[in-house]
């Protein structure tokens, strides 16, 4: 098995491509070792000293190190070994049935014009924005829309979370695109 690695715009995060499906049921992020109980692979990665965050995309894994002081040349080999062991042992990625693990961020119910606006925002996110940020090992999820102010709140995950260029991505990229296609959007903010 050959696992490719790619750098991401976030210097604290590397993207690992095992050449197989990782999380076909949808992306999932583990922000701490305490959350990793649902996944044998996430548990194995958090067992490596210096791993701070793990994100599973459709065909990749991103791993974020705990601090800039840690060197990737010391972390990369044990991470590659953990991923390789997982796939060679054919373990399930998730212990829960569907792998979703967490509720959707968007729990609000929108009515009337707001429902249409939210549908347009989600469509743009899914068709144009999320595929682009997935190439860099990250993801952006819709959190909520405030119809009165026109503010869209988004969650950044994977390599996007904590990335030095994430605010530029949100403002110059995502905000401009949403404002162009959905005139009701006035601003985009990151939900924490």
N, C-alpha and C. Protein backbone atom coordinates (compact mmCIF):
# COMPACT_ATOMS: atom_id res chain seq x y z
N UNK A 1 0.85 -1.17 0.00
CA UNK A 1 0.00 0.00 0.00
C UNK A 1 0.89 1.23 0.00
N UNK A 2 0.57 2.18 -0.86
CA UNK A 2 1.31 3.43 -0.93
C UNK A 2 0.38 4.56 -0.52
N UNK A 3 0.79 5.32 0.49
CA UNK A 3 -0.01 6.43 0.98
C UNK A 3 0.69 7.73 0.58
N UNK A 4 0.01 8.53 -0.20
CA UNK A 4 0.57 9.82 -0.60
C UNK A 4 0.34 10.84 0.51
N UNK A 5 1.25 11.78 0.62
CA UNK A 5 1.04 12.90 1.53
C UNK A 5 1.10 14.19 0.74
N UNK A 6 0.32 15.15 1.18
CA UNK A 6 0.32 16.46 0.56
C UNK A 6 0.32 17.52 1.65
N UNK A 7 1.03 18.59 1.38
CA UNK A 7 0.96 19.71 2.30
C UNK A 7 -0.39 20.41 2.08
N UNK A 8 -0.78 21.21 3.05
CA UNK A 8 -2.01 21.98 2.95
C UNK A 8 -1.64 23.44 3.20
N UNK A 9 -2.54 24.37 2.94
CA UNK A 9 -2.25 25.77 3.25
C UNK A 9 -2.00 25.99 4.75
N UNK A 10 -2.46 25.08 5.57
CA UNK A 10 -2.23 25.15 7.02
C UNK A 10 -0.94 24.39 7.33
N UNK A 11 0.12 25.08 7.73
CA UNK A 11 1.40 24.40 7.98
C UNK A 11 1.35 23.39 9.13
N UNK A 12 0.32 23.46 9.95
CA UNK A 12 0.19 22.52 11.07
C UNK A 12 -0.57 21.26 10.68
N UNK A 13 -1.02 21.16 9.42
CA UNK A 13 -1.85 20.04 8.97
C UNK A 13 -1.27 19.41 7.71
N UNK A 14 -1.23 18.08 7.69
CA UNK A 14 -0.85 17.32 6.49
C UNK A 14 -2.04 16.50 6.03
N UNK A 15 -2.10 16.29 4.73
CA UNK A 15 -3.16 15.50 4.10
C UNK A 15 -2.56 14.16 3.68
N UNK A 16 -3.23 13.07 4.06
CA UNK A 16 -2.78 11.72 3.73
C UNK A 16 -3.82 11.07 2.82
N UNK A 17 -3.36 10.54 1.68
CA UNK A 17 -4.25 9.92 0.70
C UNK A 17 -3.90 8.44 0.58
N UNK A 18 -4.71 7.56 1.20
CA UNK A 18 -4.38 6.13 1.17
C UNK A 18 -4.71 5.42 -0.14
N UNK A 19 -5.32 6.12 -1.08
CA UNK A 19 -5.68 5.49 -2.35
C UNK A 19 -6.92 4.63 -2.25
N UNK A 20 -7.68 4.77 -1.18
CA UNK A 20 -8.92 4.04 -0.95
C UNK A 20 -9.94 4.99 -0.35
N UNK A 21 -11.19 4.57 -0.36
CA UNK A 21 -12.22 5.37 0.32
C UNK A 21 -11.86 5.47 1.79
N UNK A 22 -12.03 6.65 2.35
CA UNK A 22 -11.80 6.83 3.77
C UNK A 22 -13.15 6.92 4.47
N UNK A 23 -13.92 7.92 4.16
CA UNK A 23 -15.21 8.11 4.83
C UNK A 23 -16.31 8.40 3.82
N UNK A 24 -16.73 7.36 3.07
CA UNK A 24 -17.75 7.59 2.04
C UNK A 24 -19.11 8.00 2.60
N UNK A 25 -19.35 7.76 3.89
CA UNK A 25 -20.63 8.16 4.49
C UNK A 25 -20.67 9.64 4.84
N UNK A 26 -19.57 10.34 4.60
CA UNK A 26 -19.52 11.77 4.86
C UNK A 26 -18.33 12.12 5.73
N UNK A 27 -17.89 13.37 5.67
CA UNK A 27 -16.73 13.78 6.45
C UNK A 27 -17.00 13.75 7.95
N UNK A 28 -15.93 13.59 8.69
CA UNK A 28 -16.06 13.58 10.15
C UNK A 28 -14.76 14.08 10.77
N UNK A 29 -14.92 14.92 11.78
CA UNK A 29 -13.77 15.51 12.45
C UNK A 29 -13.73 15.08 13.91
N UNK A 30 -12.51 14.85 14.39
CA UNK A 30 -12.26 14.55 15.79
C UNK A 30 -11.32 15.63 16.30
N UNK A 31 -11.80 16.47 17.21
CA UNK A 31 -11.03 17.61 17.69
C UNK A 31 -10.17 17.30 18.90
N UNK A 32 -10.37 16.13 19.48
CA UNK A 32 -9.60 15.73 20.66
C UNK A 32 -9.64 14.22 20.78
N UNK A 33 -8.67 13.68 21.52
CA UNK A 33 -8.59 12.23 21.71
C UNK A 33 -9.85 11.68 22.35
N UNK A 34 -10.51 12.47 23.19
CA UNK A 34 -11.72 12.03 23.87
C UNK A 34 -12.86 11.73 22.88
N UNK A 35 -12.83 12.36 21.73
CA UNK A 35 -13.87 12.15 20.71
C UNK A 35 -13.58 10.96 19.82
N UNK A 36 -12.37 10.41 19.90
CA UNK A 36 -11.92 9.39 18.95
C UNK A 36 -12.45 8.00 19.23
N UNK A 37 -13.19 7.81 20.30
CA UNK A 37 -13.69 6.48 20.64
C UNK A 37 -14.55 5.84 19.57
N UNK A 38 -15.12 6.63 18.69
CA UNK A 38 -15.99 6.12 17.64
C UNK A 38 -15.22 5.53 16.46
N UNK A 39 -13.89 5.72 16.43
CA UNK A 39 -13.11 5.27 15.27
C UNK A 39 -11.78 4.66 15.70
N UNK A 40 -11.55 3.39 15.34
CA UNK A 40 -10.25 2.79 15.65
C UNK A 40 -9.07 3.55 15.01
N UNK A 41 -9.26 4.05 13.78
CA UNK A 41 -8.19 4.79 13.14
C UNK A 41 -7.92 6.11 13.87
N UNK A 42 -8.97 6.83 14.24
CA UNK A 42 -8.77 8.08 14.98
C UNK A 42 -8.09 7.80 16.31
N UNK A 43 -8.46 6.72 16.99
CA UNK A 43 -7.81 6.35 18.25
C UNK A 43 -6.32 6.12 18.03
N UNK A 44 -5.98 5.38 16.98
CA UNK A 44 -4.57 5.08 16.69
C UNK A 44 -3.79 6.36 16.38
N UNK A 45 -4.41 7.29 15.68
CA UNK A 45 -3.72 8.54 15.35
C UNK A 45 -3.53 9.41 16.58
N UNK A 46 -4.54 9.48 17.44
CA UNK A 46 -4.40 10.28 18.66
C UNK A 46 -3.43 9.64 19.65
N UNK A 47 -3.16 8.36 19.51
CA UNK A 47 -2.17 7.70 20.37
C UNK A 47 -0.75 8.17 20.06
N UNK A 48 -0.57 8.82 18.93
CA UNK A 48 0.74 9.35 18.54
C UNK A 48 0.93 10.70 19.23
N UNK A 49 1.99 10.81 19.99
CA UNK A 49 2.27 12.04 20.72
C UNK A 49 2.45 13.20 19.75
N UNK A 50 1.66 14.24 19.91
CA UNK A 50 1.76 15.42 19.05
C UNK A 50 0.59 15.60 18.11
N UNK A 51 -0.30 14.60 18.01
CA UNK A 51 -1.48 14.72 17.14
C UNK A 51 -2.57 15.46 17.92
N UNK A 52 -3.09 16.54 17.32
CA UNK A 52 -4.09 17.37 17.99
C UNK A 52 -5.48 17.24 17.40
N UNK A 53 -5.58 16.92 16.11
CA UNK A 53 -6.88 16.88 15.44
C UNK A 53 -6.80 15.92 14.26
N UNK A 54 -7.91 15.23 13.99
CA UNK A 54 -7.99 14.28 12.89
C UNK A 54 -9.28 14.56 12.12
N UNK A 55 -9.18 14.54 10.81
CA UNK A 55 -10.35 14.78 9.96
C UNK A 55 -10.36 13.72 8.86
N UNK A 56 -11.51 13.08 8.67
CA UNK A 56 -11.69 12.10 7.60
C UNK A 56 -12.53 12.71 6.49
N UNK A 57 -11.98 12.81 5.30
CA UNK A 57 -12.73 13.21 4.12
C UNK A 57 -13.12 11.97 3.34
N UNK A 58 -13.71 12.14 2.18
CA UNK A 58 -14.16 11.01 1.38
C UNK A 58 -13.01 10.07 1.02
N UNK A 59 -11.87 10.64 0.65
CA UNK A 59 -10.74 9.80 0.24
C UNK A 59 -9.41 10.25 0.85
N UNK A 60 -9.47 10.98 1.94
CA UNK A 60 -8.25 11.46 2.59
C UNK A 60 -8.43 11.58 4.09
N UNK A 61 -7.28 11.66 4.76
CA UNK A 61 -7.22 11.91 6.21
C UNK A 61 -6.33 13.13 6.39
N UNK A 62 -6.78 14.09 7.16
CA UNK A 62 -5.87 15.18 7.53
C UNK A 62 -5.58 15.06 9.01
N UNK A 63 -4.33 15.33 9.34
CA UNK A 63 -3.88 15.28 10.73
C UNK A 63 -3.25 16.62 11.05
N UNK A 64 -3.65 17.20 12.17
CA UNK A 64 -3.12 18.47 12.63
C UNK A 64 -2.25 18.22 13.85
N UNK A 65 -1.06 18.78 13.82
CA UNK A 65 -0.14 18.60 14.95
C UNK A 65 -0.46 19.61 16.05
N UNK A 66 0.00 19.29 17.26
CA UNK A 66 -0.36 20.07 18.44
C UNK A 66 0.29 21.45 18.49
N UNK A 67 1.48 21.59 17.91
CA UNK A 67 2.13 22.90 17.96
C UNK A 67 3.11 23.05 16.81
N UNK A 68 3.43 24.29 16.52
CA UNK A 68 4.39 24.58 15.45
C UNK A 68 5.79 24.08 15.80
N UNK A 69 6.06 23.88 17.08
CA UNK A 69 7.37 23.40 17.50
C UNK A 69 7.63 21.95 17.10
N UNK A 70 6.56 21.18 16.90
CA UNK A 70 6.72 19.78 16.49
C UNK A 70 7.09 19.73 15.02
N UNK A 71 7.98 18.80 14.68
CA UNK A 71 8.47 18.69 13.31
C UNK A 71 7.74 17.54 12.60
N UNK A 72 7.24 17.80 11.39
CA UNK A 72 6.54 16.78 10.64
C UNK A 72 7.42 15.57 10.36
N UNK A 73 8.73 15.77 10.24
CA UNK A 73 9.58 14.61 9.93
C UNK A 73 9.58 13.59 11.06
N UNK A 74 9.22 13.99 12.27
CA UNK A 74 9.12 13.05 13.39
C UNK A 74 7.71 12.46 13.53
N UNK A 75 6.72 13.16 13.05
CA UNK A 75 5.33 12.71 13.17
C UNK A 75 4.85 11.91 11.96
N UNK A 76 5.38 12.20 10.81
CA UNK A 76 4.86 11.64 9.57
C UNK A 76 4.96 10.11 9.54
N UNK A 77 6.08 9.53 9.92
CA UNK A 77 6.25 8.07 9.85
C UNK A 77 5.26 7.32 10.74
N UNK A 78 5.09 7.70 12.02
CA UNK A 78 4.09 6.98 12.82
C UNK A 78 2.65 7.17 12.33
N UNK A 79 2.36 8.33 11.75
CA UNK A 79 1.01 8.55 11.19
C UNK A 79 0.80 7.63 9.99
N UNK A 80 1.79 7.58 9.10
CA UNK A 80 1.69 6.69 7.95
C UNK A 80 1.53 5.24 8.39
N UNK A 81 2.27 4.83 9.42
CA UNK A 81 2.18 3.46 9.93
C UNK A 81 0.79 3.17 10.49
N UNK A 82 0.21 4.12 11.22
CA UNK A 82 -1.13 3.92 11.78
C UNK A 82 -2.17 3.77 10.68
N UNK A 83 -2.07 4.60 9.65
CA UNK A 83 -3.02 4.52 8.54
C UNK A 83 -2.84 3.20 7.79
N UNK A 84 -1.60 2.83 7.53
CA UNK A 84 -1.33 1.58 6.82
C UNK A 84 -1.83 0.37 7.62
N UNK A 85 -1.56 0.36 8.92
CA UNK A 85 -2.03 -0.74 9.77
C UNK A 85 -3.55 -0.85 9.73
N UNK A 86 -4.21 0.30 9.77
CA UNK A 86 -5.67 0.30 9.74
C UNK A 86 -6.19 -0.39 8.47
N UNK A 87 -5.63 -0.02 7.33
CA UNK A 87 -6.12 -0.58 6.07
C UNK A 87 -5.67 -2.02 5.84
N UNK A 88 -4.48 -2.37 6.26
CA UNK A 88 -4.04 -3.76 6.06
C UNK A 88 -4.77 -4.72 6.99
N UNK A 89 -5.22 -4.24 8.14
CA UNK A 89 -5.98 -5.08 9.06
C UNK A 89 -7.47 -5.06 8.75
N UNK A 90 -7.87 -4.26 7.78
CA UNK A 90 -9.26 -4.16 7.33
C UNK A 90 -10.23 -3.88 8.48
N UNK A 91 -9.84 -2.99 9.37
CA UNK A 91 -10.72 -2.59 10.47
C UNK A 91 -11.79 -1.65 9.94
N UNK A 92 -12.95 -1.61 10.60
CA UNK A 92 -13.95 -0.61 10.20
C UNK A 92 -13.45 0.78 10.59
N UNK A 93 -13.84 1.77 9.82
CA UNK A 93 -13.44 3.14 10.15
C UNK A 93 -14.17 3.63 11.39
N UNK A 94 -15.46 3.28 11.49
CA UNK A 94 -16.27 3.73 12.61
C UNK A 94 -16.86 2.54 13.34
N UNK A 95 -17.04 2.70 14.64
CA UNK A 95 -17.69 1.67 15.43
C UNK A 95 -19.20 1.85 15.45
N UNK A 96 -19.68 3.09 15.23
CA UNK A 96 -21.12 3.31 15.17
C UNK A 96 -21.63 2.91 13.78
N UNK A 97 -22.88 2.66 13.69
CA UNK A 97 -23.45 2.03 12.50
C UNK A 97 -23.25 2.82 11.21
N UNK A 98 -23.56 4.12 11.22
CA UNK A 98 -23.52 4.86 9.95
C UNK A 98 -22.30 5.75 9.79
N UNK A 99 -21.51 5.89 10.83
CA UNK A 99 -20.31 6.71 10.73
C UNK A 99 -20.54 8.19 10.85
N UNK A 100 -21.78 8.61 11.00
CA UNK A 100 -22.04 10.05 11.05
C UNK A 100 -21.61 10.63 12.38
N UNK A 101 -21.92 9.95 13.46
CA UNK A 101 -21.44 10.33 14.78
C UNK A 101 -21.95 11.62 15.35
N UNK A 102 -22.14 12.61 14.58
CA UNK A 102 -22.54 13.92 15.11
C UNK A 102 -23.74 14.44 14.34
N UNK A 103 -24.54 15.19 15.03
CA UNK A 103 -25.70 15.80 14.38
C UNK A 103 -25.24 16.88 13.41
N UNK A 104 -26.04 17.14 12.43
CA UNK A 104 -25.74 18.23 11.51
C UNK A 104 -25.67 19.54 12.29
N UNK A 105 -24.83 20.43 11.83
CA UNK A 105 -24.69 21.71 12.51
C UNK A 105 -25.96 22.55 12.36
N UNK A 106 -26.61 22.43 11.22
CA UNK A 106 -27.78 23.24 10.95
C UNK A 106 -29.02 22.59 11.54
N UNK A 107 -29.48 23.11 12.66
CA UNK A 107 -30.68 22.55 13.27
C UNK A 107 -31.86 23.52 13.18
N UNK A 108 -31.64 24.70 12.64
CA UNK A 108 -32.70 25.69 12.55
C UNK A 108 -33.67 25.32 11.42
N UNK A 109 -34.90 25.73 11.60
CA UNK A 109 -35.91 25.53 10.57
C UNK A 109 -36.19 26.90 9.95
N UNK A 110 -36.03 26.96 8.65
CA UNK A 110 -36.24 28.23 7.95
C UNK A 110 -37.54 28.14 7.17
N UNK A 111 -38.24 29.27 7.09
CA UNK A 111 -39.51 29.30 6.38
C UNK A 111 -39.49 30.41 5.33
N UNK A 112 -40.34 30.25 4.34
CA UNK A 112 -40.53 31.27 3.32
C UNK A 112 -39.27 31.59 2.55
N UNK A 113 -39.02 32.91 2.38
CA UNK A 113 -37.85 33.35 1.62
C UNK A 113 -36.55 32.86 2.23
N UNK A 114 -36.47 32.84 3.55
CA UNK A 114 -35.24 32.39 4.21
C UNK A 114 -34.92 30.94 3.85
N UNK A 115 -35.94 30.10 3.73
CA UNK A 115 -35.72 28.69 3.36
C UNK A 115 -35.11 28.60 1.96
N UNK A 116 -35.58 29.42 1.05
CA UNK A 116 -35.03 29.43 -0.32
C UNK A 116 -33.59 29.93 -0.32
N UNK A 117 -33.32 30.97 0.44
CA UNK A 117 -31.97 31.53 0.53
C UNK A 117 -31.01 30.49 1.10
N UNK A 118 -31.41 29.81 2.16
CA UNK A 118 -30.57 28.77 2.78
C UNK A 118 -30.33 27.63 1.80
N UNK A 119 -31.34 27.25 1.04
CA UNK A 119 -31.16 26.20 0.03
C UNK A 119 -30.13 26.62 -1.01
N UNK A 120 -30.18 27.88 -1.45
CA UNK A 120 -29.20 28.38 -2.42
C UNK A 120 -27.80 28.40 -1.82
N UNK A 121 -27.68 28.83 -0.58
CA UNK A 121 -26.37 28.86 0.10
C UNK A 121 -25.80 27.45 0.20
N UNK A 122 -26.61 26.52 0.65
CA UNK A 122 -26.14 25.13 0.80
C UNK A 122 -25.76 24.52 -0.54
N UNK A 123 -26.53 24.84 -1.58
CA UNK A 123 -26.20 24.32 -2.91
C UNK A 123 -24.84 24.85 -3.38
N UNK A 124 -24.60 26.13 -3.21
CA UNK A 124 -23.30 26.70 -3.59
C UNK A 124 -22.17 26.08 -2.77
N UNK A 125 -22.40 25.92 -1.48
CA UNK A 125 -21.38 25.29 -0.64
C UNK A 125 -21.06 23.88 -1.14
N UNK A 126 -22.10 23.10 -1.41
CA UNK A 126 -21.90 21.70 -1.80
C UNK A 126 -21.32 21.53 -3.19
N UNK A 127 -21.69 22.40 -4.13
CA UNK A 127 -21.27 22.20 -5.51
C UNK A 127 -19.99 22.94 -5.90
N UNK A 128 -19.72 24.07 -5.27
CA UNK A 128 -18.57 24.87 -5.69
C UNK A 128 -17.50 25.05 -4.62
N UNK A 129 -17.90 25.24 -3.39
CA UNK A 129 -16.94 25.62 -2.35
C UNK A 129 -16.33 24.40 -1.66
N UNK A 130 -17.15 23.48 -1.19
CA UNK A 130 -16.63 22.31 -0.46
C UNK A 130 -15.68 21.47 -1.32
N UNK A 131 -15.97 21.23 -2.60
CA UNK A 131 -15.00 20.46 -3.40
C UNK A 131 -13.65 21.17 -3.51
N UNK A 132 -13.66 22.49 -3.59
CA UNK A 132 -12.40 23.23 -3.69
C UNK A 132 -11.59 23.15 -2.41
N UNK A 133 -12.23 23.31 -1.26
CA UNK A 133 -11.47 23.25 -0.01
C UNK A 133 -11.09 21.82 0.34
N UNK A 134 -11.82 20.83 -0.16
CA UNK A 134 -11.45 19.42 0.07
C UNK A 134 -10.11 19.11 -0.60
N UNK A 135 -9.81 19.79 -1.69
CA UNK A 135 -8.51 19.58 -2.35
C UNK A 135 -7.36 19.98 -1.43
N UNK A 136 -7.62 20.88 -0.51
CA UNK A 136 -6.60 21.31 0.45
C UNK A 136 -6.73 20.57 1.78
N UNK A 137 -7.58 19.55 1.83
CA UNK A 137 -7.71 18.76 3.05
C UNK A 137 -8.67 19.31 4.08
N UNK A 138 -9.56 20.18 3.66
CA UNK A 138 -10.49 20.80 4.61
C UNK A 138 -11.94 20.66 4.20
N UNK A 139 -12.77 21.33 4.95
CA UNK A 139 -14.20 21.30 4.68
C UNK A 139 -14.84 22.55 5.30
N UNK A 140 -15.95 22.96 4.73
CA UNK A 140 -16.73 24.08 5.25
C UNK A 140 -18.17 23.63 5.33
N UNK A 141 -18.76 23.76 6.50
CA UNK A 141 -20.15 23.37 6.71
C UNK A 141 -21.01 24.57 7.06
N UNK A 142 -22.22 24.56 6.56
CA UNK A 142 -23.20 25.58 6.89
C UNK A 142 -23.59 25.43 8.36
N UNK A 143 -23.63 26.54 9.08
CA UNK A 143 -24.09 26.52 10.47
C UNK A 143 -25.47 27.17 10.57
N UNK A 144 -25.55 28.43 10.12
CA UNK A 144 -26.84 29.11 10.20
C UNK A 144 -26.81 30.37 9.32
N UNK A 145 -28.02 30.87 9.05
CA UNK A 145 -28.19 32.11 8.30
C UNK A 145 -29.10 33.00 9.12
N UNK A 146 -28.71 34.27 9.24
CA UNK A 146 -29.51 35.25 9.95
C UNK A 146 -30.21 36.13 8.91
N UNK A 147 -31.48 35.87 8.63
CA UNK A 147 -32.18 36.60 7.57
C UNK A 147 -32.24 38.11 7.79
N UNK A 148 -32.32 38.56 9.05
CA UNK A 148 -32.42 40.00 9.31
C UNK A 148 -31.15 40.75 8.95
N UNK A 149 -29.99 40.14 9.22
CA UNK A 149 -28.72 40.82 8.96
C UNK A 149 -28.04 40.34 7.68
N UNK A 150 -28.45 39.17 7.16
CA UNK A 150 -27.81 38.62 5.97
C UNK A 150 -26.50 37.91 6.25
N UNK A 151 -26.22 37.61 7.52
CA UNK A 151 -24.95 36.97 7.89
C UNK A 151 -25.09 35.46 7.80
N UNK A 152 -24.10 34.84 7.15
CA UNK A 152 -24.01 33.38 7.06
C UNK A 152 -22.88 32.94 7.98
N UNK A 153 -23.16 31.96 8.82
CA UNK A 153 -22.16 31.41 9.73
C UNK A 153 -21.76 30.03 9.24
N UNK A 154 -20.44 29.79 9.15
CA UNK A 154 -19.91 28.54 8.63
C UNK A 154 -18.90 27.93 9.60
N UNK A 155 -18.84 26.60 9.61
CA UNK A 155 -17.83 25.86 10.39
C UNK A 155 -16.70 25.45 9.46
N UNK A 156 -15.48 25.68 9.89
CA UNK A 156 -14.30 25.24 9.15
C UNK A 156 -13.78 23.98 9.81
N UNK A 157 -13.46 22.96 9.00
CA UNK A 157 -12.99 21.70 9.55
C UNK A 157 -11.77 21.22 8.77
N UNK A 158 -11.12 20.20 9.35
CA UNK A 158 -9.95 19.64 8.71
C UNK A 158 -8.83 20.66 8.64
N UNK A 159 -8.15 20.71 7.51
CA UNK A 159 -7.02 21.63 7.35
C UNK A 159 -7.45 23.09 7.43
N UNK A 160 -8.72 23.38 7.17
CA UNK A 160 -9.20 24.76 7.22
C UNK A 160 -9.27 25.30 8.64
N UNK A 161 -9.51 24.41 9.59
CA UNK A 161 -9.64 24.83 10.98
C UNK A 161 -8.27 25.23 11.51
N UNK A 162 -8.15 26.46 11.92
CA UNK A 162 -6.88 26.97 12.44
C UNK A 162 -5.87 27.37 11.38
N UNK A 163 -6.26 27.33 10.12
CA UNK A 163 -5.35 27.70 9.04
C UNK A 163 -5.13 29.20 9.02
N UNK A 164 -3.88 29.64 8.86
CA UNK A 164 -3.62 31.08 8.80
C UNK A 164 -4.35 31.79 7.65
N UNK A 165 -4.62 31.07 6.58
CA UNK A 165 -5.29 31.71 5.45
C UNK A 165 -6.81 31.50 5.45
N UNK A 166 -7.35 30.94 6.54
CA UNK A 166 -8.80 30.66 6.55
C UNK A 166 -9.64 31.93 6.51
N UNK A 167 -9.21 32.99 7.17
CA UNK A 167 -10.01 34.22 7.12
C UNK A 167 -10.00 34.80 5.71
N UNK A 168 -8.88 34.69 5.01
CA UNK A 168 -8.84 35.15 3.62
C UNK A 168 -9.73 34.28 2.74
N UNK A 169 -9.73 32.98 2.99
CA UNK A 169 -10.59 32.07 2.24
C UNK A 169 -12.05 32.44 2.46
N UNK A 170 -12.42 32.69 3.72
CA UNK A 170 -13.80 33.04 4.03
C UNK A 170 -14.20 34.36 3.38
N UNK A 171 -13.37 35.37 3.53
CA UNK A 171 -13.74 36.70 3.05
C UNK A 171 -13.57 36.85 1.54
N UNK A 172 -12.39 36.54 1.03
CA UNK A 172 -12.12 36.77 -0.39
C UNK A 172 -12.77 35.72 -1.28
N UNK A 173 -12.88 34.50 -0.78
CA UNK A 173 -13.42 33.44 -1.61
C UNK A 173 -14.89 33.18 -1.36
N UNK A 174 -15.18 32.64 -0.20
CA UNK A 174 -16.54 32.19 0.11
C UNK A 174 -17.51 33.36 0.17
N UNK A 175 -17.16 34.41 0.90
CA UNK A 175 -18.08 35.55 1.04
C UNK A 175 -18.37 36.18 -0.32
N UNK A 176 -17.34 36.41 -1.12
CA UNK A 176 -17.56 37.03 -2.42
C UNK A 176 -18.46 36.17 -3.31
N UNK A 177 -18.25 34.84 -3.29
CA UNK A 177 -19.08 33.98 -4.12
C UNK A 177 -20.53 33.97 -3.64
N UNK A 178 -20.72 33.83 -2.33
CA UNK A 178 -22.09 33.81 -1.80
C UNK A 178 -22.80 35.14 -2.07
N UNK A 179 -22.11 36.26 -1.87
CA UNK A 179 -22.73 37.56 -2.11
C UNK A 179 -23.07 37.75 -3.59
N UNK A 180 -22.23 37.20 -4.46
CA UNK A 180 -22.48 37.33 -5.89
C UNK A 180 -23.73 36.55 -6.32
N UNK A 181 -23.84 35.30 -5.87
CA UNK A 181 -24.95 34.45 -6.29
C UNK A 181 -26.20 34.57 -5.43
N UNK A 182 -26.03 35.02 -4.18
CA UNK A 182 -27.17 35.15 -3.27
C UNK A 182 -27.11 36.57 -2.70
N UNK A 183 -27.76 37.53 -3.35
CA UNK A 183 -27.64 38.94 -2.96
C UNK A 183 -28.08 39.24 -1.52
N UNK A 184 -28.88 38.36 -0.94
CA UNK A 184 -29.34 38.57 0.44
C UNK A 184 -28.20 38.39 1.47
N UNK A 185 -27.13 37.73 1.04
CA UNK A 185 -25.97 37.52 1.94
C UNK A 185 -25.17 38.81 1.99
N UNK A 186 -24.94 39.31 3.20
CA UNK A 186 -24.16 40.53 3.39
C UNK A 186 -22.77 40.26 3.94
N UNK A 187 -22.60 39.13 4.64
CA UNK A 187 -21.33 38.85 5.31
C UNK A 187 -21.25 37.35 5.63
N UNK A 188 -20.02 36.84 5.70
CA UNK A 188 -19.80 35.45 6.11
C UNK A 188 -18.88 35.48 7.32
N UNK A 189 -19.24 34.70 8.34
CA UNK A 189 -18.45 34.62 9.58
C UNK A 189 -18.19 33.17 9.92
N UNK A 190 -17.12 32.96 10.66
CA UNK A 190 -16.79 31.62 11.11
C UNK A 190 -17.47 31.32 12.43
N UNK A 191 -18.17 30.20 12.49
CA UNK A 191 -18.79 29.75 13.73
C UNK A 191 -17.74 28.95 14.50
N UNK A 192 -17.64 29.22 15.79
CA UNK A 192 -16.63 28.52 16.59
C UNK A 192 -17.25 27.42 17.39
